[in-house]
Protein backbone atom coordinates (compact mmCIF):
# COMPACT_ATOMS: atom_id res chain seq x y z
CA MET A 1 -44.50 53.50 42.11
CA ARG A 2 -41.50 55.37 42.51
CA PHE A 3 -42.07 59.21 44.10
CA ILE A 4 -39.31 61.88 44.65
CA LEU A 5 -39.36 64.86 46.86
CA LEU A 6 -39.73 68.32 44.64
CA ARG A 7 -39.11 72.23 45.45
CA PRO A 8 -43.18 73.67 44.83
CA LYS A 9 -43.29 75.50 42.12
CA PRO A 10 -46.33 78.27 41.82
CA ASN A 11 -48.55 75.57 38.58
CA LEU A 12 -47.74 72.50 41.06
CA GLY A 13 -49.75 72.14 44.21
CA CYS A 14 -47.98 69.16 45.56
CA LEU A 15 -45.14 68.14 47.42
CA PHE A 16 -44.83 64.35 46.22
CA VAL A 17 -45.79 63.70 42.67
CA CYS A 18 -45.07 60.73 40.94
CA LEU A 19 -42.29 60.36 38.03
CA CYS A 20 -43.82 58.11 35.66
CA SER A 21 -42.73 59.97 32.68
CA SER A 22 -39.41 61.67 31.44
CA PHE A 23 -41.84 64.83 30.83
CA LEU A 24 -42.21 65.34 34.55
CA GLN A 25 -38.69 64.38 35.32
CA ASP A 26 -37.14 67.42 32.44
CA HIS A 27 -39.45 70.03 34.30
CA LEU A 28 -39.46 69.57 37.80
CA ARG A 29 -36.48 70.47 40.25
CA VAL A 30 -34.94 68.24 42.74
CA PHE A 31 -34.34 69.59 46.05
CA GLY A 32 -30.45 69.84 46.60
CA SER A 33 -27.68 71.22 44.54
CA SER A 34 -26.94 69.95 41.02
CA ASN A 35 -24.44 67.30 42.09
CA THR A 36 -26.99 65.25 44.42
CA SER A 37 -27.97 62.67 42.62
CA THR A 38 -31.87 61.72 42.16
CA SER A 39 -31.64 58.02 43.78
CA SER A 40 -30.45 59.44 47.08
CA LEU A 41 -33.85 61.42 47.24
CA THR A 42 -36.14 58.20 45.79
CA LEU A 43 -38.44 57.01 48.41
CA ASP A 44 -40.62 53.44 47.94
CA PHE A 45 -44.30 54.15 48.89
CA GLU A 46 -45.60 51.00 47.31
CA GLN A 47 -45.46 49.28 50.84
CA MET A 48 -47.93 50.21 53.80
CA SER A 49 -46.47 52.22 56.24
CA GLN A 50 -47.73 54.78 58.44
CA ARG A 51 -46.44 58.33 58.83
CA GLY A 52 -43.31 56.85 56.70
CA VAL A 53 -42.89 54.10 59.98
CA TRP A 54 -42.79 50.41 58.82
CA GLN A 55 -45.46 48.75 61.27
CA LEU A 56 -44.20 45.21 60.46
CA ARG A 57 -41.50 44.44 62.85
CA LYS A 58 -40.46 40.62 62.51
CA LEU A 59 -41.98 37.88 59.98
CA THR A 60 -41.46 34.61 61.82
CA VAL A 61 -41.95 31.62 58.98
CA SER A 62 -42.31 28.49 60.73
CA TYR A 63 -42.63 25.49 58.58
CA CYS A 64 -42.37 21.44 59.21
CA ASN A 65 -39.43 19.63 57.15
CA TRP A 66 -41.24 16.67 57.67
CA GLY A 67 -44.92 16.71 57.38
CA GLY A 68 -46.59 17.17 53.90
CA SER A 69 -48.57 20.11 54.44
CA SER A 70 -45.47 22.29 54.58
CA LYS A 71 -44.73 21.30 51.00
CA GLY A 72 -44.95 24.88 49.39
CA ILE A 73 -42.25 26.29 52.25
CA SER A 74 -39.92 22.87 53.27
CA CYS A 75 -40.36 19.39 51.89
CA LEU A 76 -37.13 18.65 49.80
CA SER A 77 -37.42 20.44 46.56
CA MET A 78 -39.92 22.91 47.56
CA CYS A 79 -37.63 24.23 50.92
CA ARG A 80 -34.88 25.37 48.19
CA ALA A 81 -37.61 26.98 46.21
CA PHE A 82 -38.84 28.89 48.47
CA MET A 83 -36.40 29.23 51.73
CA GLU A 84 -33.87 29.78 49.41
CA SER A 85 -34.91 32.02 46.43
CA HIS A 86 -37.90 33.91 47.52
CA LEU A 87 -36.90 34.30 50.93
CA GLN A 88 -33.87 35.38 50.42
CA THR A 89 -35.18 38.27 47.26
CA PHE A 90 -38.09 39.33 50.05
CA LYS A 91 -35.33 39.86 52.80
CA GLU A 92 -33.01 41.81 50.44
CA SER A 93 -36.20 43.95 49.44
CA ASN A 94 -37.09 44.51 53.01
CA PRO A 95 -34.40 45.66 54.82
CA GLN A 96 -36.40 47.12 57.38
CA LEU A 97 -37.86 43.40 58.18
CA GLU A 98 -36.26 41.13 60.61
CA VAL A 99 -37.18 37.82 58.84
CA VAL A 100 -36.58 34.73 61.11
CA ALA A 101 -37.33 30.88 59.93
CA GLU A 102 -38.21 28.51 61.99
CA LEU A 103 -38.27 24.64 62.30
CA ASN A 104 -41.18 23.60 64.14
CA ARG A 105 -41.31 19.45 63.63
CA GLY A 106 -44.99 17.87 63.76
CA GLN A 107 -46.70 21.40 63.33
CA HIS A 108 -48.31 22.82 60.41
CA PRO A 109 -46.74 25.94 58.74
CA PHE A 110 -47.70 29.89 59.12
CA LEU A 111 -46.40 33.18 59.03
CA LYS A 112 -46.29 35.04 62.02
CA GLY A 113 -45.92 39.40 61.68
CA SER A 114 -45.11 41.01 64.89
CA TYR A 115 -46.03 44.81 64.48
CA LYS A 116 -44.85 47.80 66.36
CA ASN A 117 -48.24 48.26 68.26
CA LYS A 118 -47.64 44.71 69.83
CA ASN A 119 -50.16 43.13 67.75
CA GLU A 120 -49.48 39.82 66.21
CA ARG A 121 -51.57 38.13 62.75
CA VAL A 122 -50.75 34.12 61.73
CA VAL A 123 -51.53 32.94 59.22
CA SER A 124 -51.64 29.77 58.21
CA VAL A 125 -49.91 28.68 54.85
CA MET A 126 -50.95 24.85 54.69
CA ASN A 127 -50.51 23.30 51.34
CA MET A 128 -49.61 26.68 49.75
CA THR A 129 -47.06 26.81 46.59
CA PRO A 130 -44.03 29.42 47.19
CA GLU A 131 -45.41 32.24 45.26
CA ASP A 132 -48.78 31.84 47.61
CA VAL A 133 -46.32 32.07 50.73
CA LEU A 134 -44.91 34.70 49.10
CA LEU A 135 -48.08 36.80 48.26
CA CYS A 136 -49.42 36.25 52.41
CA ALA A 137 -45.66 37.54 53.45
CA THR A 138 -46.38 40.36 50.97
CA ARG A 139 -49.94 41.08 52.69
CA LEU A 140 -49.01 40.87 55.75
CA ARG A 141 -45.37 43.34 55.03
CA ASN A 142 -48.62 45.61 53.83
CA SER A 143 -51.04 45.36 56.47
CA LEU A 144 -50.81 47.83 59.41
CA GLY A 145 -51.07 45.67 62.38
CA ARG A 146 -54.56 46.57 63.83
CA LYS A 147 -57.40 44.47 64.49
CA VAL A 148 -60.05 44.31 62.03
CA VAL A 149 -63.24 46.02 63.10
CA LYS A 150 -66.52 45.18 61.72
CA LEU A 151 -68.81 47.84 61.44
CA LYS A 152 -72.17 47.80 62.47
CA THR A 153 -73.91 49.98 59.87
CA ARG A 154 -73.04 51.01 56.97
CA HIS A 155 -73.43 54.64 57.09
CA VAL A 156 -73.52 56.12 60.65
CA THR A 157 -74.78 59.96 60.46
CA LYS A 158 -76.78 62.20 62.90
CA HIS A 159 -78.47 63.41 60.26
CA PRO A 160 -80.29 60.17 58.15
CA SER A 161 -81.65 61.15 54.37
CA VAL A 162 -84.74 60.66 53.49
CA GLN A 163 -84.63 57.67 51.39
CA GLY A 164 -86.29 57.67 47.63
CA THR A 165 -85.73 59.73 44.78
CA TRP A 166 -86.35 63.63 44.71
CA THR A 167 -88.69 64.67 41.78
CA THR A 168 -89.57 68.60 41.49
CA ASP A 169 -93.48 67.79 42.47
CA LEU A 170 -92.66 66.37 46.11
CA GLN A 171 -94.60 67.94 48.59
CA ILE A 172 -93.97 68.68 52.05
């Protein structure tokens, strides 16, 4: 999804508007002079960021070039498939991210994401296809890096509601 920064108009209450049709492009003015290209003002908000700052700093792809569990990442022809095509396109589409491929002989393959808040997430990609490994890398990129917190109750409130359906015949 592509977003573009727009000048607020009286009939538009939002600052960011999704430009998904040519109608919107024709009827909205873009910041800057008339010679400013709209591509320079285009922002990508498909991926997860917090206040415009990418949370994933470094992605480490650890694999073994000998073991069978690394077949999705390495193992001769599959190695060429993921390490050359998928990993290169992932690097090019995410220039803010440092992607490192590391060889660990005799170990199962994994992806390790290092985040800005100094947390790390490790995802095992043992016996996965190159497409599944790419999906795991995308999920690491899209997560914020926070620890998962389980809520003890579904809803926390100071004033719990009375359970049951309300009727006009209810006598209190």
